[in-house]
Protein backbone atom coordinates (compact mmCIF):
# COMPACT_ATOMS: atom_id res chain seq x y z
CA MET A 1 94.23 77.81 98.55
CA PRO A 2 92.10 77.39 101.72
CA GLN A 3 93.56 78.17 105.11
CA PHE A 4 92.97 76.02 108.19
CA ALA A 5 93.31 77.22 111.77
CA TYR A 6 94.73 74.63 114.11
CA LYS A 7 95.53 74.07 117.74
CA ALA A 8 98.15 71.41 118.48
CA LEU A 9 100.49 70.14 121.17
CA GLN A 10 104.26 70.30 120.71
CA PRO A 11 106.41 67.33 121.86
CA ASP A 12 107.09 69.17 125.14
CA GLY A 13 103.34 69.47 125.78
CA VAL A 14 103.04 73.21 125.03
CA ALA A 15 99.83 74.10 123.14
CA VAL A 16 100.22 76.26 120.02
CA GLU A 17 97.80 77.71 117.50
CA GLY A 18 98.36 78.83 113.94
CA LEU A 19 97.23 78.81 110.32
CA ILE A 20 98.24 76.44 107.54
CA GLU A 21 97.44 76.28 103.82
CA ALA A 22 96.18 73.01 102.34
CA PRO A 23 93.84 71.91 99.55
CA ASN A 24 91.55 70.09 102.01
CA ARG A 25 91.10 69.27 105.66
CA GLN A 26 92.67 65.82 105.46
CA GLU A 27 95.83 67.23 103.88
CA ALA A 28 95.95 70.02 106.49
CA LEU A 29 95.78 67.38 109.23
CA ARG A 30 98.62 65.47 107.60
CA LEU A 31 100.77 68.61 107.32
CA VAL A 32 100.26 69.52 110.97
CA GLU A 33 101.19 66.00 112.07
CA GLY A 34 104.24 66.19 109.79
CA ARG A 35 105.57 69.02 111.94
CA ALA A 36 105.79 66.70 114.96
CA LEU A 37 102.62 68.23 116.40
CA ARG A 38 99.63 66.42 117.86
CA PRO A 39 96.47 68.13 116.50
CA VAL A 40 93.83 69.08 119.04
CA ARG A 41 91.57 71.27 116.89
CA LEU A 42 91.51 71.89 113.13
CA GLY A 43 88.98 73.91 111.17
CA GLU A 44 88.80 76.09 108.09
CA ALA A 45 89.86 79.64 108.89
CA PRO A 46 87.50 82.49 108.03
CA GLY A 47 88.69 84.72 105.21
CA GLY A 48 89.83 82.02 102.77
CA ALA A 49 93.33 82.31 101.32
CA GLY A 50 96.23 84.23 102.77
CA GLY A 51 99.63 83.79 104.23
CA GLY A 52 99.53 81.06 106.84
CA ALA A 53 101.37 81.48 110.07
CA LYS A 54 103.73 78.63 110.77
CA VAL A 55 104.77 77.17 114.06
CA GLY A 56 107.31 79.41 115.70
CA ALA A 57 106.81 82.39 113.34
CA GLY A 58 104.41 85.21 112.66
CA PRO A 59 101.48 86.67 114.55
CA GLY A 60 99.26 83.67 113.88
CA LEU A 61 101.04 81.69 116.61
CA ARG A 62 100.06 82.16 120.23
CA LEU A 63 100.25 80.09 123.35
CA SER A 64 96.90 78.69 124.44
CA LEU A 65 96.15 78.91 128.14
CA GLY A 66 92.73 77.29 127.69
CA GLY A 67 91.09 79.43 130.35
CA GLY A 68 87.97 80.21 128.32
CA ASN A 69 87.66 76.91 126.42
CA LYS A 70 86.63 74.60 129.26
CA ILE A 71 83.42 72.68 128.70
CA SER A 72 81.16 72.60 131.75
CA ALA A 73 80.00 69.29 133.23
CA ARG A 74 76.40 70.27 132.50
CA ALA A 75 77.20 70.90 128.80
CA LEU A 76 78.96 67.53 128.52
CA GLU A 77 76.05 65.71 130.16
CA ASN A 78 73.57 67.47 127.85
CA PHE A 79 75.71 66.52 124.83
CA THR A 80 75.83 62.88 125.91
CA ARG A 81 72.12 62.58 126.61
CA LEU A 82 71.05 64.42 123.45
CA LEU A 83 73.37 62.39 121.21
CA SER A 84 72.01 59.18 122.75
CA SER A 85 68.41 60.29 122.17
CA LEU A 86 69.06 61.31 118.56
CA LEU A 87 70.83 58.05 117.70
CA ALA A 88 68.11 56.01 119.39
CA ALA A 89 65.53 57.89 117.29
CA GLY A 90 67.31 56.83 114.12
CA VAL A 91 68.88 60.20 113.25
CA PRO A 92 72.05 59.73 111.14
CA PHE A 93 75.25 60.18 113.11
CA SER A 94 76.59 63.22 111.21
CA ARG A 95 73.20 64.95 111.30
CA ALA A 96 72.94 64.30 115.05
CA LEU A 97 76.28 66.04 115.61
CA VAL A 98 75.14 68.98 113.47
CA ILE A 99 71.95 69.30 115.54
CA ILE A 100 73.90 69.20 118.81
CA HIS A 101 76.32 71.84 117.50
CA ARG A 102 73.43 74.07 116.49
CA GLU A 103 71.62 73.69 119.83
CA ALA A 104 74.70 74.28 122.01
CA ALA A 105 74.35 77.33 124.27
CA GLU A 106 77.96 77.74 125.43
CA PRO A 107 80.38 79.17 122.81
CA ALA A 108 83.14 76.80 123.95
CA ALA A 109 80.80 73.82 123.66
CA LYS A 110 79.59 74.93 120.23
CA ALA A 111 83.19 75.10 118.96
CA LYS A 112 84.07 71.73 120.51
CA TRP A 113 81.05 69.94 119.02
CA LYS A 114 81.87 71.44 115.59
CA GLU A 115 85.44 70.16 115.90
CA LEU A 116 84.11 66.72 116.86
CA HIS A 117 81.77 66.72 113.87
CA ASP A 118 84.59 67.63 111.45
CA LEU A 119 86.83 64.83 112.73
CA VAL A 120 84.05 62.24 112.48
CA ILE A 121 83.12 63.41 108.97
CA ASP A 122 86.76 62.90 107.97
CA GLY A 123 86.37 59.22 108.86
CA MET A 124 87.72 59.18 112.42
CA PRO A 125 85.88 57.01 114.99
CA LEU A 126 84.00 59.01 117.62
CA SER A 127 86.13 57.62 120.46
CA ASP A 128 89.37 58.64 118.69
CA ALA A 129 87.97 62.11 118.02
CA MET A 130 87.05 62.46 121.70
CA ALA A 131 90.48 61.21 122.77
CA ARG A 132 92.02 64.28 121.09
CA SER A 133 90.32 66.45 123.75
CA PRO A 134 91.23 64.89 127.12
CA GLU A 135 90.38 68.16 128.87
CA THR A 136 86.74 67.64 127.81
CA PHE A 137 86.33 63.86 127.58
CA PRO A 138 87.88 61.86 130.46
CA ARG A 139 89.63 58.58 129.69
CA VAL A 140 86.79 56.57 131.22
CA TYR A 141 84.28 58.41 129.02
CA VAL A 142 86.32 57.69 125.88
CA ALA A 143 86.76 54.04 126.89
CA MET A 144 83.01 53.61 127.35
CA VAL A 145 82.30 55.19 123.94
CA GLU A 146 84.90 52.90 122.38
CA ALA A 147 83.23 49.89 123.98
CA GLY A 148 79.84 51.08 122.71
CA GLU A 149 81.16 51.47 119.17
CA ALA A 150 82.68 48.00 119.27
CA SER A 151 79.48 46.39 120.56
CA GLY A 152 77.12 48.31 118.24
CA PHE A 153 75.10 49.77 121.14
CA LEU A 154 76.50 53.30 121.11
CA ASP A 155 73.14 54.98 121.81
CA VAL A 156 72.53 52.74 124.83
CA VAL A 157 76.05 53.26 126.17
CA LEU A 158 75.73 57.04 125.78
CA ALA A 159 72.47 57.00 127.74
CA GLN A 160 74.19 54.98 130.47
CA ILE A 161 77.10 57.43 130.48
CA ALA A 162 74.69 60.34 130.96
CA ASP A 163 73.01 58.54 133.88
CA PHE A 164 76.43 57.74 135.34
CA GLN A 165 77.49 61.40 135.03
CA SER A 166 74.30 62.51 136.76
CA ARG A 167 74.84 60.12 139.67
CA GLU A 168 78.51 61.09 139.98
CA LYS A 169 77.58 64.77 140.10
CA GLU A 170 74.94 64.08 142.73
CA LEU A 171 77.37 62.10 144.89
CA LYS A 172 80.09 64.75 144.59
CA GLY A 173 77.52 67.40 145.48
CA LYS A 174 76.64 65.50 148.66
CA VAL A 175 80.32 65.25 149.62
CA ALA A 176 80.91 68.95 148.94
CA THR A 177 77.82 69.92 150.96
CA ALA A 178 78.87 67.72 153.87
CA LEU A 179 82.38 69.21 153.95
CA MET A 180 81.30 72.83 153.53
CA TYR A 181 80.60 73.57 157.21
CA PRO A 182 83.88 72.04 158.52
CA ALA A 183 85.77 73.96 155.82
CA ILE A 184 84.14 77.25 156.90
CA LEU A 185 85.03 76.49 160.52
CA LEU A 186 88.65 75.83 159.55
CA VAL A 187 88.94 79.11 157.61
CA LEU A 188 87.39 81.08 160.47
CA ALA A 189 89.71 79.43 162.98
CA LEU A 190 92.79 80.31 160.94
CA GLY A 191 91.54 83.89 160.53
CA VAL A 192 90.96 84.33 164.28
CA LEU A 193 94.32 82.75 165.10
CA ILE A 194 96.21 85.05 162.72
CA PHE A 195 94.35 88.09 164.12
CA LEU A 196 95.31 87.18 167.68
CA LEU A 197 98.96 86.55 166.82
CA VAL A 198 99.43 89.65 164.65
CA PHE A 199 97.26 92.33 166.29
CA PHE A 200 96.07 91.24 169.74
CA ILE A 201 99.20 89.83 171.40
CA PRO A 202 101.55 92.72 170.45
CA ARG A 203 99.29 95.13 172.36
CA PHE A 204 99.48 92.95 175.45
CA GLN A 205 103.27 92.95 175.14
CA LEU A 206 103.25 96.71 175.65
CA VAL A 207 101.65 96.14 179.06
CA PHE A 208 104.40 93.72 180.12
CA GLN A 209 107.38 95.73 178.86
CA GLY A 210 107.34 98.18 181.81
CA PHE A 211 107.94 95.39 184.31
CA ASN A 212 111.09 93.36 184.75
CA ALA A 213 109.29 90.26 185.97
CA GLU A 214 109.86 87.03 184.12
CA LEU A 215 106.83 85.95 182.13
CA PRO A 216 105.38 82.42 182.47
CA LEU A 217 106.60 79.82 180.00
CA ILE A 218 103.28 79.59 178.15
CA THR A 219 103.22 83.37 177.71
CA ARG A 220 106.80 83.44 176.39
CA MET A 221 105.95 80.70 173.90
CA ILE A 222 102.87 82.58 172.63
CA VAL A 223 104.84 85.83 172.34
CA GLY A 224 107.61 83.99 170.46
CA VAL A 225 105.11 82.57 167.96
CA SER A 226 103.59 86.03 167.53
CA ASP A 227 107.02 87.58 166.88
CA ALA A 228 107.83 84.86 164.34
CA VAL A 229 104.54 85.36 162.48
CA ARG A 230 104.94 89.15 162.40
CA GLY A 231 108.62 89.11 161.51
CA TYR A 232 108.74 86.19 159.09
CA GLY A 233 105.10 85.81 158.04
CA LEU A 234 105.76 86.53 154.37
CA PHE A 235 108.66 84.07 154.29
CA LEU A 236 106.53 81.43 156.01
CA ALA A 237 103.71 82.00 153.52
CA ALA A 238 106.14 81.78 150.59
CA GLY A 239 107.64 78.59 152.02
CA LEU A 240 104.20 77.06 152.43
CA ALA A 241 103.31 78.01 148.84
CA VAL A 242 106.53 76.48 147.47
CA GLY A 243 105.96 73.38 149.57
CA ALA A 244 102.38 73.06 148.34
CA ILE A 245 103.45 73.39 144.69
CA SER A 246 106.25 70.85 145.15
CA ALA A 247 103.90 68.44 146.91
CA ARG A 248 101.36 68.86 144.11
CA HIS A 249 103.96 67.96 141.46
CA TRP A 250 105.10 64.97 143.51
CA PHE A 251 101.54 63.73 144.00
CA ARG A 252 101.00 63.93 140.24
CA SER A 253 104.02 61.74 139.52
CA PRO A 254 103.41 57.97 139.35
CA GLN A 255 105.59 57.27 142.39
CA GLY A 256 104.05 60.05 144.48
CA ARG A 257 100.51 59.14 143.52
CA ARG A 258 101.00 55.50 144.41
CA ALA A 259 102.67 56.38 147.73
CA TRP A 260 99.89 58.84 148.66
CA GLU A 261 97.06 56.52 147.62
CA GLY A 262 98.63 53.58 149.44
CA TRP A 263 98.99 55.65 152.61
CA ILE A 264 95.49 57.10 152.52
CA LEU A 265 93.98 53.62 152.17
CA ARG A 266 95.60 52.73 155.50
CA VAL A 267 94.10 55.72 157.34
CA PRO A 268 91.40 54.54 159.77
CA THR A 269 87.83 55.43 158.76
CA LEU A 270 88.93 57.38 155.67
CA GLY A 271 90.61 54.43 153.95
CA PRO A 272 87.59 52.09 154.15
CA LEU A 273 85.31 54.93 152.98
CA LEU A 274 87.45 55.53 149.89
CA ALA A 275 87.60 51.79 149.17
CA GLN A 276 83.80 51.59 149.39
CA PHE A 277 83.45 54.57 147.07
CA ALA A 278 85.82 52.97 144.54
CA MET A 279 83.94 49.66 144.76
CA ALA A 280 80.60 51.43 144.17
CA ARG A 281 81.96 53.22 141.10
CA PHE A 282 83.39 49.97 139.75
CA CYS A 283 80.12 48.06 140.24
CA ARG A 284 78.00 50.83 138.73
CA MET A 285 80.26 51.17 135.70
CA LEU A 286 80.49 47.42 135.15
CA GLY A 287 76.75 46.92 135.58
CA THR A 288 76.04 49.83 133.24
CA LEU A 289 78.26 48.42 130.50
CA LEU A 290 77.01 44.87 130.84
CA GLY A 291 73.43 46.13 130.70
CA ALA A 292 74.31 47.91 127.45
CA GLY A 293 75.56 44.66 125.89
CA VAL A 294 79.31 45.31 126.20
CA PRO A 295 81.34 42.05 126.52
CA LEU A 296 82.57 41.21 130.02
CA ILE A 297 86.32 41.63 129.39
CA SER A 298 85.85 44.97 127.63
CA ALA A 299 83.49 46.12 130.37
CA LEU A 300 85.97 45.09 133.08
CA ASN A 301 88.81 47.01 131.42
CA VAL A 302 86.66 50.15 131.23
CA ALA A 303 85.27 49.80 134.77
CA ARG A 304 88.79 49.33 136.12
CA ARG A 305 89.72 52.83 134.94
CA SER A 306 86.80 54.36 136.83
CA ILE A 307 88.15 53.34 140.25
CA GLY A 308 90.60 56.25 140.48
CA ASN A 309 92.96 54.82 143.12
CA GLN A 310 95.93 53.31 141.28
CA ILE A 311 96.63 50.75 144.03
CA LEU A 312 93.10 49.39 143.68
CA VAL A 313 93.28 49.62 139.87
CA ASP A 314 96.34 47.35 139.89
CA ALA A 315 94.58 44.89 142.19
CA VAL A 316 91.52 44.72 139.92
CA ALA A 317 93.81 44.26 136.89
CA GLU A 318 95.02 41.00 138.43
CA SER A 319 91.40 39.88 138.83
CA ILE A 320 90.73 40.69 135.17
CA ASP A 321 93.69 38.52 134.16
CA ARG A 322 92.11 35.62 136.04
CA VAL A 323 88.80 36.19 134.25
CA LYS A 324 90.64 36.07 130.91
CA GLU A 325 92.00 32.69 131.95
CA GLY A 326 88.43 31.42 132.21
CA LYS A 327 87.77 31.77 135.93
CA ALA A 328 84.49 33.11 137.28
CA LEU A 329 84.24 36.82 138.04
CA GLY A 330 83.23 36.33 141.67
CA LYS A 331 86.14 34.03 142.48
CA SER A 332 88.55 36.33 140.65
CA LEU A 333 87.42 39.39 142.62
CA ALA A 334 87.58 37.43 145.89
CA GLN A 335 91.38 37.77 145.84
CA ASN A 336 91.01 41.54 146.37
CA ARG A 337 89.54 41.74 149.88
CA ALA A 338 90.51 45.41 150.31
CA LEU A 339 87.97 46.36 147.65
CA PHE A 340 85.44 43.51 147.61
CA PRO A 341 84.29 42.16 151.02
CA GLY A 342 83.20 38.55 151.27
CA ALA A 343 79.48 39.38 151.22
CA ILE A 344 79.85 41.41 148.00
CA VAL A 345 81.79 38.58 146.35
CA GLU A 346 79.05 36.10 147.26
CA MET A 347 76.36 38.37 145.79
CA ILE A 348 78.34 38.73 142.56
CA SER A 349 78.92 34.97 142.35
CA VAL A 350 75.23 34.15 142.82
CA ALA A 351 74.18 36.82 140.29
CA GLU A 352 76.75 35.49 137.83
CA GLU A 353 75.32 31.99 138.11
CA SER A 354 71.73 33.22 137.68
CA GLY A 355 72.54 35.47 134.70
CA LYS A 356 71.52 38.69 136.47
CA LEU A 357 74.98 40.13 136.96
CA ASP A 358 74.29 43.60 135.53
CA ALA A 359 71.20 44.20 137.68
CA GLU A 360 72.91 42.90 140.83
CA LEU A 361 75.97 45.11 140.27
CA LEU A 362 73.75 48.19 139.97
CA ARG A 363 71.86 47.15 143.11
CA ILE A 364 75.15 46.75 144.99
CA ALA A 365 76.23 50.20 143.80
CA ASN A 366 72.96 51.79 144.96
CA THR A 367 73.14 50.08 148.35
CA THR A 368 76.80 51.00 148.86
CA GLU A 369 76.24 54.63 147.87
CA GLY A 370 73.36 54.90 150.35
CA ASP A 371 75.56 53.41 153.07
CA LEU A 372 78.38 55.81 152.12
CA ASP A 373 76.00 58.74 152.41
CA ARG A 374 75.07 57.74 155.95
CA GLN A 375 78.68 57.13 156.97
CA LEU A 376 79.78 60.45 155.52
CA LYS A 377 77.10 62.29 157.47
CA ALA A 378 78.21 60.51 160.66
CA VAL A 379 81.88 61.40 160.06
CA VAL A 380 81.04 65.04 159.37
CA ALA A 381 78.76 65.16 162.42
CA LEU A 382 81.70 63.93 164.51
CA ALA A 383 84.19 66.28 162.84
CA GLU A 384 82.20 69.43 163.65
CA PRO A 385 82.43 69.18 167.49
CA VAL A 386 86.06 68.05 167.23
CA MET A 387 86.95 71.13 165.17
CA LEU A 388 85.02 73.39 167.54
CA PHE A 389 86.92 71.87 170.46
CA VAL A 390 90.28 72.42 168.73
CA ILE A 391 89.37 76.03 167.89
CA ALA A 392 88.25 76.70 171.47
CA ALA A 393 91.42 75.06 172.85
CA LEU A 394 93.72 77.22 170.67
CA ILE A 395 91.94 80.48 171.45
CA GLY A 396 91.56 79.57 175.11
CA THR A 397 95.26 78.74 175.42
CA ILE A 398 96.22 82.12 173.94
CA PHE A 399 93.78 83.94 176.20
CA ILE A 400 94.96 82.16 179.36
CA GLY A 401 98.63 82.61 178.42
CA MET A 402 98.19 86.36 178.04
CA VAL A 403 95.96 86.84 181.11
CA ILE A 404 98.04 84.89 183.66
CA PRO A 405 100.81 87.57 183.84
CA ILE A 406 98.18 90.24 184.54
CA PHE A 407 97.40 88.65 187.92
CA SER A 408 101.06 89.03 188.93
CA LEU A 409 101.36 92.67 187.84
CA GLN A 410 99.90 93.92 191.11
CA ASP A 411 102.80 92.43 193.08
CA HIS A 412 105.33 94.24 190.86
CA ILE A 413 103.40 97.50 191.11
CA LYS A 414 103.60 97.32 194.93
């Protein structure tokens, strides 16, 4: 009897892999699901028949850390664009997936596309097959594919997804480039500060120990910080690490994420920038889907997931409910002033009345992204001198605090 290798998630979320015997792939899938597992990957094992390793027993089971199975963003974009082109050229769906699998350069991508092909051949919709691999296909991606399948314009939607991915990557690259120099300054500042506290100040202390004069307050404070870093540095580092891990878990929880996102929206300068970025993503996604022929309600539900900030997602959800009640999109979005300024709402309302909503939404997204680029450059340009000033102030304070006592040493020597 054939053997099938599988990767699945246990109810506690732990990934396991193993072998199972079954007459065909569909039956193997049913057997894996019968063990209270959620299949992630299933394929015929090389070597044919043999004793199958079951969950929790035998050498066939191993925990999957997933370190080498991550699909790169470039590979996913190439997959999306190539699948769109093949479908638009009239290539049958299954054959298109075979071609993509054959042309894949990355081993991880080749295995993932083969898994996708097998699931689709078994009768599973493409969106459901993609939903089994959330580490590769984000929820917004799957939702857009689902909308494309429902509307019958899958090739067009896939092309729009590829364009959207390209623009997202370009925008993220601009943000990363803009923040690179301030990040380097911050790392250098921390390195210099630690060097001064750990190596420089203790040598100055040796100069002061031979005199019984009382040191100035600023010098005593600097020496105290140096002693604390040298004596308890490892404990401080461990505490910071534990605090960072705890904060990360809290931020990932629904309550923590909402609290953090609500707070960051209220931060001057940063909050409005993030709201503009979310609005641009929403408009681009909605315009992309409408241009591909996806119905308005379905497009709104997909675009809502692309915003990212849960506070803003909830606000847009209320606007979508008003659209379902029959109200115009512009008037429905007008209730959410934090995300859609009055001028944007007016543009959307006029475009909705003229039947050019998709084109206007994309134009708004392009304009907003250009404005964001300029604002980001201005913020970074302002951050650089501020960081240099802070670095100079810290180092200068340490230098002055350690030099002041030297001027009084001559009196004690006399």
